[in-house]
N, C-alpha and C. Protein backbone atom coordinates (compact mmCIF):
# COMPACT_ATOMS: atom_id res chain seq x y z
N UNK A 1 1.21 34.49 -107.31
CA UNK A 1 0.47 35.73 -107.11
C UNK A 1 -0.93 35.42 -106.60
N UNK A 2 -1.04 35.08 -105.37
CA UNK A 2 -2.33 34.75 -104.80
C UNK A 2 -2.92 35.87 -103.98
N UNK A 3 -2.33 37.05 -104.00
CA UNK A 3 -2.88 38.16 -103.23
C UNK A 3 -3.94 38.88 -104.04
N UNK A 4 -4.63 39.80 -103.37
CA UNK A 4 -5.67 40.56 -104.05
C UNK A 4 -5.10 41.59 -105.01
N UNK A 5 -3.87 41.98 -104.79
CA UNK A 5 -3.24 42.98 -105.64
C UNK A 5 -2.28 42.28 -106.58
N UNK A 6 -2.50 42.45 -107.87
CA UNK A 6 -1.64 41.84 -108.86
C UNK A 6 -0.23 42.40 -108.72
N UNK A 7 0.75 41.52 -108.69
CA UNK A 7 2.14 41.95 -108.63
C UNK A 7 2.66 42.11 -107.22
N UNK A 8 1.82 42.02 -106.22
CA UNK A 8 2.25 42.20 -104.83
C UNK A 8 3.30 41.16 -104.47
N UNK A 9 4.44 41.65 -103.98
CA UNK A 9 5.48 40.75 -103.51
C UNK A 9 6.36 40.19 -104.61
N UNK A 10 6.22 40.67 -105.82
CA UNK A 10 7.06 40.17 -106.89
C UNK A 10 8.23 41.10 -107.08
N UNK A 11 9.24 40.59 -107.69
CA UNK A 11 10.42 41.39 -107.97
C UNK A 11 11.23 40.76 -109.06
N UNK A 12 12.32 41.40 -109.40
CA UNK A 12 13.16 40.91 -110.49
C UNK A 12 13.66 39.51 -110.21
N UNK A 13 13.86 39.15 -108.95
CA UNK A 13 14.37 37.83 -108.61
C UNK A 13 13.39 36.72 -108.96
N UNK A 14 12.11 37.03 -109.09
CA UNK A 14 11.11 36.01 -109.36
C UNK A 14 10.96 35.73 -110.86
N UNK A 15 11.63 36.49 -111.70
CA UNK A 15 11.53 36.32 -113.15
C UNK A 15 12.55 35.31 -113.66
N UNK A 16 12.19 34.56 -114.69
CA UNK A 16 13.13 33.68 -115.39
C UNK A 16 14.07 34.55 -116.21
N UNK A 17 15.32 34.14 -116.30
CA UNK A 17 16.30 34.90 -117.08
C UNK A 17 15.83 35.02 -118.53
N UNK A 18 15.90 36.22 -119.08
CA UNK A 18 15.44 36.49 -120.44
C UNK A 18 16.10 35.56 -121.45
N UNK A 19 17.40 35.33 -121.29
CA UNK A 19 18.16 34.52 -122.25
C UNK A 19 17.66 33.09 -122.32
N UNK A 20 16.98 32.63 -121.30
CA UNK A 20 16.49 31.26 -121.25
C UNK A 20 15.12 31.08 -121.90
N UNK A 21 14.48 32.16 -122.29
CA UNK A 21 13.12 32.09 -122.80
C UNK A 21 13.08 31.86 -124.30
N UNK A 22 12.21 30.95 -124.72
CA UNK A 22 11.94 30.79 -126.15
C UNK A 22 11.12 31.99 -126.62
N UNK A 23 10.94 32.09 -127.92
CA UNK A 23 10.12 33.18 -128.46
C UNK A 23 8.71 33.13 -127.86
N UNK A 24 8.13 31.95 -127.87
CA UNK A 24 6.75 31.81 -127.39
C UNK A 24 6.63 32.16 -125.90
N UNK A 25 7.60 31.72 -125.11
CA UNK A 25 7.58 32.04 -123.68
C UNK A 25 7.70 33.54 -123.46
N UNK A 26 8.62 34.18 -124.19
CA UNK A 26 8.81 35.63 -124.04
C UNK A 26 7.56 36.38 -124.48
N UNK A 27 6.98 35.97 -125.60
CA UNK A 27 5.76 36.63 -126.11
C UNK A 27 4.60 36.48 -125.13
N UNK A 28 4.43 35.27 -124.60
CA UNK A 28 3.33 35.04 -123.66
C UNK A 28 3.52 35.82 -122.37
N UNK A 29 4.75 35.86 -121.87
CA UNK A 29 5.01 36.62 -120.65
C UNK A 29 4.80 38.11 -120.90
N UNK A 30 5.22 38.59 -122.07
CA UNK A 30 5.02 40.00 -122.41
C UNK A 30 3.53 40.34 -122.45
N UNK A 31 2.73 39.48 -123.05
CA UNK A 31 1.28 39.71 -123.10
C UNK A 31 0.70 39.74 -121.68
N UNK A 32 1.18 38.87 -120.81
CA UNK A 32 0.71 38.83 -119.43
C UNK A 32 1.11 40.10 -118.68
N UNK A 33 2.32 40.58 -118.92
CA UNK A 33 2.78 41.81 -118.27
C UNK A 33 1.93 42.99 -118.72
N UNK A 34 1.62 43.06 -119.99
CA UNK A 34 0.76 44.14 -120.49
C UNK A 34 -0.60 44.08 -119.79
N UNK A 35 -1.15 42.88 -119.68
CA UNK A 35 -2.45 42.71 -119.01
C UNK A 35 -2.37 43.19 -117.56
N UNK A 36 -1.32 42.79 -116.87
CA UNK A 36 -1.15 43.17 -115.46
C UNK A 36 -1.00 44.68 -115.32
N UNK A 37 -0.17 45.28 -116.17
CA UNK A 37 0.03 46.73 -116.08
C UNK A 37 -1.25 47.50 -116.38
N UNK A 38 -2.05 46.98 -117.31
CA UNK A 38 -3.31 47.66 -117.65
C UNK A 38 -4.29 47.65 -116.49
N UNK A 39 -4.16 46.71 -115.56
CA UNK A 39 -5.05 46.67 -114.39
C UNK A 39 -4.78 47.85 -113.46
N UNK A 40 -3.54 48.34 -113.46
CA UNK A 40 -3.19 49.51 -112.66
C UNK A 40 -3.26 49.30 -111.17
N UNK A 41 -3.01 48.10 -110.69
CA UNK A 41 -3.14 47.81 -109.26
C UNK A 41 -1.81 47.80 -108.51
N UNK A 42 -0.71 48.04 -109.18
CA UNK A 42 0.60 47.98 -108.52
C UNK A 42 1.08 49.38 -108.18
N UNK A 43 1.99 49.44 -107.22
CA UNK A 43 2.60 50.73 -106.91
C UNK A 43 3.59 51.09 -108.02
N UNK A 44 4.12 52.28 -107.95
CA UNK A 44 5.00 52.78 -109.00
C UNK A 44 6.23 51.91 -109.20
N UNK A 45 6.89 51.53 -108.12
CA UNK A 45 8.11 50.72 -108.24
C UNK A 45 7.83 49.37 -108.89
N UNK A 46 6.75 48.71 -108.48
CA UNK A 46 6.40 47.43 -109.09
C UNK A 46 6.04 47.61 -110.56
N UNK A 47 5.30 48.66 -110.87
CA UNK A 47 4.94 48.94 -112.26
C UNK A 47 6.18 49.15 -113.11
N UNK A 48 7.15 49.89 -112.58
CA UNK A 48 8.39 50.12 -113.33
C UNK A 48 9.18 48.83 -113.53
N UNK A 49 9.19 47.98 -112.52
CA UNK A 49 9.86 46.68 -112.64
C UNK A 49 9.23 45.86 -113.76
N UNK A 50 7.91 45.83 -113.77
CA UNK A 50 7.21 45.08 -114.82
C UNK A 50 7.41 45.73 -116.19
N UNK A 51 7.38 47.04 -116.26
CA UNK A 51 7.57 47.73 -117.53
C UNK A 51 8.97 47.43 -118.08
N UNK A 52 9.99 47.49 -117.21
CA UNK A 52 11.36 47.19 -117.65
C UNK A 52 11.46 45.75 -118.13
N UNK A 53 10.81 44.84 -117.43
CA UNK A 53 10.79 43.44 -117.85
C UNK A 53 10.11 43.31 -119.22
N UNK A 54 9.02 44.04 -119.40
CA UNK A 54 8.33 44.02 -120.69
C UNK A 54 9.22 44.51 -121.82
N UNK A 55 9.97 45.56 -121.57
CA UNK A 55 10.90 46.07 -122.59
C UNK A 55 11.95 45.02 -122.94
N UNK A 56 12.48 44.35 -121.93
CA UNK A 56 13.48 43.30 -122.17
C UNK A 56 12.87 42.12 -122.93
N UNK A 57 11.63 41.78 -122.60
CA UNK A 57 10.94 40.69 -123.31
C UNK A 57 10.70 41.06 -124.77
N UNK A 58 10.30 42.30 -125.02
CA UNK A 58 10.07 42.74 -126.40
C UNK A 58 11.37 42.65 -127.20
N UNK A 59 12.47 43.06 -126.59
CA UNK A 59 13.77 42.97 -127.26
C UNK A 59 14.12 41.52 -127.55
N UNK A 60 13.86 40.63 -126.60
CA UNK A 60 14.15 39.20 -126.79
C UNK A 60 13.31 38.64 -127.93
N UNK A 61 12.05 39.03 -128.01
CA UNK A 61 11.19 38.58 -129.12
C UNK A 61 11.75 39.06 -130.45
N UNK A 62 12.19 40.32 -130.50
CA UNK A 62 12.78 40.86 -131.73
C UNK A 62 14.03 40.08 -132.12
N UNK A 63 14.84 39.69 -131.14
CA UNK A 63 16.04 38.91 -131.42
C UNK A 63 15.67 37.55 -132.02
N UNK A 64 14.67 36.90 -131.44
CA UNK A 64 14.22 35.61 -131.97
C UNK A 64 13.71 35.78 -133.41
N UNK A 65 12.92 36.81 -133.65
CA UNK A 65 12.37 37.03 -134.99
C UNK A 65 13.46 37.37 -135.99
N UNK A 66 14.45 38.15 -135.58
CA UNK A 66 15.56 38.47 -136.48
C UNK A 66 16.34 37.20 -136.83
N UNK A 67 16.54 36.34 -135.85
CA UNK A 67 17.22 35.08 -136.11
C UNK A 67 16.43 34.20 -137.06
N UNK A 68 15.13 34.16 -136.89
CA UNK A 68 14.28 33.37 -137.78
C UNK A 68 14.31 33.94 -139.19
N UNK A 69 14.27 35.25 -139.31
CA UNK A 69 14.32 35.89 -140.64
C UNK A 69 15.65 35.58 -141.32
N UNK A 70 16.73 35.59 -140.56
CA UNK A 70 18.05 35.27 -141.12
C UNK A 70 18.08 33.83 -141.63
N UNK A 71 17.51 32.92 -140.87
CA UNK A 71 17.46 31.51 -141.30
C UNK A 71 16.65 31.35 -142.58
N UNK A 72 15.54 32.07 -142.69
CA UNK A 72 14.72 32.01 -143.90
C UNK A 72 15.50 32.55 -145.09
N UNK A 73 16.18 33.68 -144.90
CA UNK A 73 16.98 34.26 -145.97
C UNK A 73 18.08 33.30 -146.43
N UNK A 74 18.73 32.64 -145.48
CA UNK A 74 19.76 31.67 -145.84
C UNK A 74 19.17 30.51 -146.63
N UNK A 75 18.03 30.01 -146.20
CA UNK A 75 17.39 28.90 -146.90
C UNK A 75 16.99 29.30 -148.31
N UNK A 76 16.46 30.51 -148.46
CA UNK A 76 16.09 30.99 -149.79
C UNK A 76 17.31 31.15 -150.68
N UNK A 77 18.40 31.66 -150.12
CA UNK A 77 19.62 31.83 -150.90
C UNK A 77 20.18 30.48 -151.33
N UNK A 78 20.16 29.51 -150.43
CA UNK A 78 20.64 28.17 -150.78
C UNK A 78 19.76 27.55 -151.85
N UNK A 79 18.45 27.77 -151.75
CA UNK A 79 17.53 27.25 -152.76
C UNK A 79 17.77 27.88 -154.11
N UNK A 80 18.06 29.18 -154.13
CA UNK A 80 18.34 29.87 -155.38
C UNK A 80 19.63 29.38 -156.00
N UNK A 81 20.66 29.15 -155.17
CA UNK A 81 21.93 28.63 -155.67
C UNK A 81 21.76 27.24 -156.25
N UNK A 82 20.99 26.41 -155.57
CA UNK A 82 20.75 25.04 -156.04
C UNK A 82 19.98 25.07 -157.35
N UNK A 83 18.99 25.92 -157.44
CA UNK A 83 18.19 26.04 -158.66
C UNK A 83 19.05 26.53 -159.82
N UNK A 84 19.92 27.49 -159.56
CA UNK A 84 20.79 28.01 -160.61
C UNK A 84 21.77 26.95 -161.09
N UNK A 85 22.24 26.11 -160.19
CA UNK A 85 23.18 25.04 -160.57
C UNK A 85 22.47 23.96 -161.38
N UNK A 86 21.22 23.69 -161.05
CA UNK A 86 20.46 22.67 -161.77
C UNK A 86 19.95 23.16 -163.11
N UNK A 87 19.73 24.45 -163.23
CA UNK A 87 19.19 25.04 -164.45
C UNK A 87 20.06 26.22 -164.87
N UNK A 88 21.21 25.93 -165.47
CA UNK A 88 22.09 27.05 -165.86
C UNK A 88 21.40 27.95 -166.88
N UNK A 89 21.78 29.21 -166.87
CA UNK A 89 21.19 30.18 -167.79
C UNK A 89 21.51 29.78 -169.23
N UNK A 90 20.53 29.97 -170.11
CA UNK A 90 20.78 29.66 -171.52
C UNK A 90 21.55 30.79 -172.18
N UNK A 91 21.81 30.66 -173.44
CA UNK A 91 22.62 31.66 -174.14
C UNK A 91 21.82 32.87 -174.60
N UNK A 92 20.60 32.98 -174.14
CA UNK A 92 19.79 34.14 -174.47
C UNK A 92 18.88 33.92 -175.66
N UNK A 93 19.01 32.80 -176.36
CA UNK A 93 18.16 32.53 -177.51
C UNK A 93 16.96 31.71 -177.06
N UNK A 94 15.80 32.04 -177.63
CA UNK A 94 14.59 31.30 -177.31
C UNK A 94 14.60 29.98 -178.05
N UNK A 95 13.99 28.98 -177.47
CA UNK A 95 13.93 27.65 -178.07
C UNK A 95 12.81 27.56 -179.09
N UNK A 96 12.03 28.59 -179.27
CA UNK A 96 10.90 28.55 -180.20
C UNK A 96 11.33 28.70 -181.60
């Protein structure tokens, strides 16, 4: 993008496939798209292309975060199972 108008000459073909982006890549590209759109220098069609890309990037970020949350939940559940196996419940009587 070396022209005076941000987004000039860009199109969907110039974007990396959403499925190939890591969370950080998708988040960074989304932030850049927001910055570009806020400049208001593109025509309507280009703006819509960028907006649609931003929506897809936001969805991809949500997918990454949902996957990370699932992994954390699994790790916590495994930790709880391990803890329960190592420290079985007592018979309800206090040791005091």
